[in-house]
Amino acid sequence: MSILPKNVAQQVQELFAGMHEPVELVLVDDGGDSELLALMHEIADLSDHVTFQRAAAGQAEEFGLDKGLLPAIALGGPQGYSRARFLGAPAGHEFGVLIQDIVDLSQQRIELSDETKEYLEGLTQDVHLQVFTTPT
């Protein structure tokens, strides 16, 4: 059973063609079969630059995740694991964000203005930023 429609899979494959470095997707969950597991496999199958592994809930902290907020997806790139995390299934708008994050991580690209980068470099304490999306 395919999760992604063929036209969406083709669009993702086209975006992945611009990848430079490998990216690893890590699904941390309680195990068992799920649509999210199938989706992660499908995404990884769309490019040789994308790999997938599954980690048990007991390994959540290794990936900077709260065990109580699973399932979650961590992204690993050329410089280690990104601090970006996806909690739950990346459906709707979140799917596009996940795909773009994979490409950006592969290209080691951060699209922020110079002013924003300068501001962030001046921070003296860690900042915990969460972005929530909901269907409208």
Protein backbone atom coordinates (compact mmCIF):
# COMPACT_ATOMS: atom_id res chain seq x y z
CA MET A 1 0.00 0.00 0.00
CA SER A 2 1.37 3.36 -1.03
CA ILE A 3 0.82 6.38 1.22
CA LEU A 4 1.98 9.05 -1.25
CA PRO A 5 0.04 9.64 -4.45
CA LYS A 6 2.27 9.12 -7.52
CA ASN A 7 2.29 12.83 -8.44
CA VAL A 8 3.38 13.81 -4.91
CA ALA A 9 6.11 11.13 -4.86
CA GLN A 10 7.38 12.47 -8.20
CA GLN A 11 7.46 16.05 -6.88
CA VAL A 12 9.38 14.94 -3.79
CA GLN A 13 11.81 13.00 -5.96
CA GLU A 14 12.42 16.13 -8.04
CA LEU A 15 13.13 18.16 -4.89
CA PHE A 16 15.46 15.45 -3.59
CA ALA A 17 17.45 15.65 -6.85
CA GLY A 18 19.01 18.83 -5.42
CA MET A 19 20.40 17.11 -2.35
CA HIS A 20 24.15 17.15 -1.74
CA GLU A 21 24.78 15.22 1.48
CA PRO A 22 23.00 12.24 3.05
CA VAL A 23 20.16 12.75 5.52
CA GLU A 24 18.86 10.15 7.94
CA LEU A 25 15.27 10.03 9.14
CA VAL A 26 14.75 8.43 12.53
CA LEU A 27 11.25 7.44 13.58
CA VAL A 28 11.05 7.04 17.34
CA ASP A 29 7.88 5.23 18.36
CA ASP A 30 6.37 2.35 20.32
CA GLY A 31 6.81 -0.14 17.47
CA GLY A 32 4.23 -1.93 15.41
CA ASP A 33 3.05 -1.18 11.92
CA SER A 34 1.66 2.25 11.16
CA GLU A 35 1.01 4.60 8.27
CA LEU A 36 3.79 6.82 9.61
CA LEU A 37 6.26 3.92 9.37
CA ALA A 38 5.14 3.25 5.80
CA LEU A 39 5.48 6.96 4.96
CA MET A 40 9.05 7.10 6.30
CA HIS A 41 9.99 4.09 4.16
CA GLU A 42 8.40 5.70 1.09
CA ILE A 43 10.26 8.98 1.62
CA ALA A 44 13.58 7.18 2.05
CA ASP A 45 12.95 5.17 -1.12
CA LEU A 46 12.70 8.37 -3.17
CA SER A 47 16.42 9.21 -2.97
CA ASP A 48 19.75 7.51 -2.39
CA HIS A 49 20.59 10.49 -0.18
CA VAL A 50 17.84 9.66 2.32
CA THR A 51 18.05 6.76 4.75
CA PHE A 52 15.62 5.65 7.41
CA GLN A 53 15.90 3.90 10.72
CA ARG A 54 13.49 3.17 13.50
CA ALA A 55 14.31 3.65 17.15
CA ALA A 56 12.43 2.32 20.15
CA ALA A 57 10.61 4.64 22.53
CA GLY A 58 13.31 3.93 25.13
CA GLN A 59 15.83 5.68 22.87
CA ALA A 60 13.86 8.95 22.70
CA GLU A 61 16.33 10.93 24.82
CA GLU A 62 19.22 9.94 22.52
CA PHE A 63 17.49 11.97 19.81
CA GLY A 64 16.49 14.89 22.03
CA LEU A 65 12.89 13.75 22.29
CA ASP A 66 10.44 13.50 25.16
CA LYS A 67 9.24 9.91 25.51
CA GLY A 68 5.73 11.20 26.25
CA LEU A 69 5.47 12.95 22.86
CA LEU A 70 5.87 9.99 20.53
CA PRO A 71 5.77 9.16 17.70
CA ALA A 72 8.38 11.66 16.56
CA ILE A 73 10.86 12.09 13.73
CA ALA A 74 14.46 13.25 14.14
CA LEU A 75 16.62 14.34 11.21
CA GLY A 76 20.33 13.59 10.97
CA GLY A 77 22.61 15.32 8.49
CA PRO A 78 26.28 15.74 7.67
CA GLN A 79 26.97 17.53 10.95
CA GLY A 80 24.95 15.25 13.21
CA TYR A 81 21.35 15.37 14.31
CA SER A 82 19.43 18.55 13.71
CA ARG A 83 17.55 20.06 16.61
CA ALA A 84 14.43 20.17 14.44
CA ARG A 85 11.92 17.50 15.42
CA PHE A 86 8.53 16.51 14.09
CA LEU A 87 6.03 15.29 16.65
CA GLY A 88 3.30 13.07 15.30
CA ALA A 89 2.65 12.42 11.64
CA PRO A 90 3.79 15.12 9.17
CA ALA A 91 0.45 15.43 7.39
CA GLY A 92 -0.92 18.38 5.47
CA HIS A 93 1.33 21.44 5.65
CA GLU A 94 3.82 19.62 7.87
CA PHE A 95 4.66 17.20 5.06
CA GLY A 96 6.02 19.98 2.85
CA VAL A 97 8.00 21.38 5.75
CA LEU A 98 9.53 17.96 6.44
CA ILE A 99 10.55 17.53 2.81
CA GLN A 100 12.06 21.03 2.62
CA ASP A 101 13.91 20.45 5.92
CA ILE A 102 15.41 17.25 4.50
CA VAL A 103 16.66 19.13 1.41
CA ASP A 104 17.94 22.10 3.44
CA LEU A 105 19.78 19.81 5.86
CA SER A 106 21.37 17.99 2.94
CA GLN A 107 22.49 21.28 1.41
CA GLN A 108 23.55 22.62 4.83
CA ARG A 109 21.43 25.66 4.09
CA ILE A 110 19.66 27.96 6.49
CA GLU A 111 17.44 30.51 4.81
CA LEU A 112 17.48 33.41 7.25
CA SER A 113 18.26 37.06 6.67
CA ASP A 114 21.70 38.29 7.73
CA GLU A 115 19.99 40.41 10.36
CA THR A 116 18.26 37.36 11.86
CA LYS A 117 21.47 35.29 11.80
CA GLU A 118 23.32 38.11 13.57
CA TYR A 119 20.58 38.36 16.20
CA LEU A 120 20.63 34.61 16.82
CA GLU A 121 24.42 34.53 17.11
CA GLY A 122 24.12 37.19 19.84
CA LEU A 123 21.86 35.07 22.05
CA THR A 124 23.50 34.12 25.33
CA GLN A 125 20.96 31.53 26.48
CA ASP A 126 19.33 28.55 24.80
CA VAL A 127 15.93 29.21 23.29
CA HIS A 128 13.24 26.53 23.04
CA LEU A 129 11.09 27.32 20.03
CA GLN A 130 8.03 25.28 19.14
CA VAL A 131 5.90 25.69 16.03
CA PHE A 132 2.40 24.26 16.13
CA THR A 133 0.25 23.73 13.08
CA THR A 134 -3.37 22.79 12.98
CA PRO A 135 -5.73 22.15 10.09
CA THR A 136 -8.11 24.99 9.38
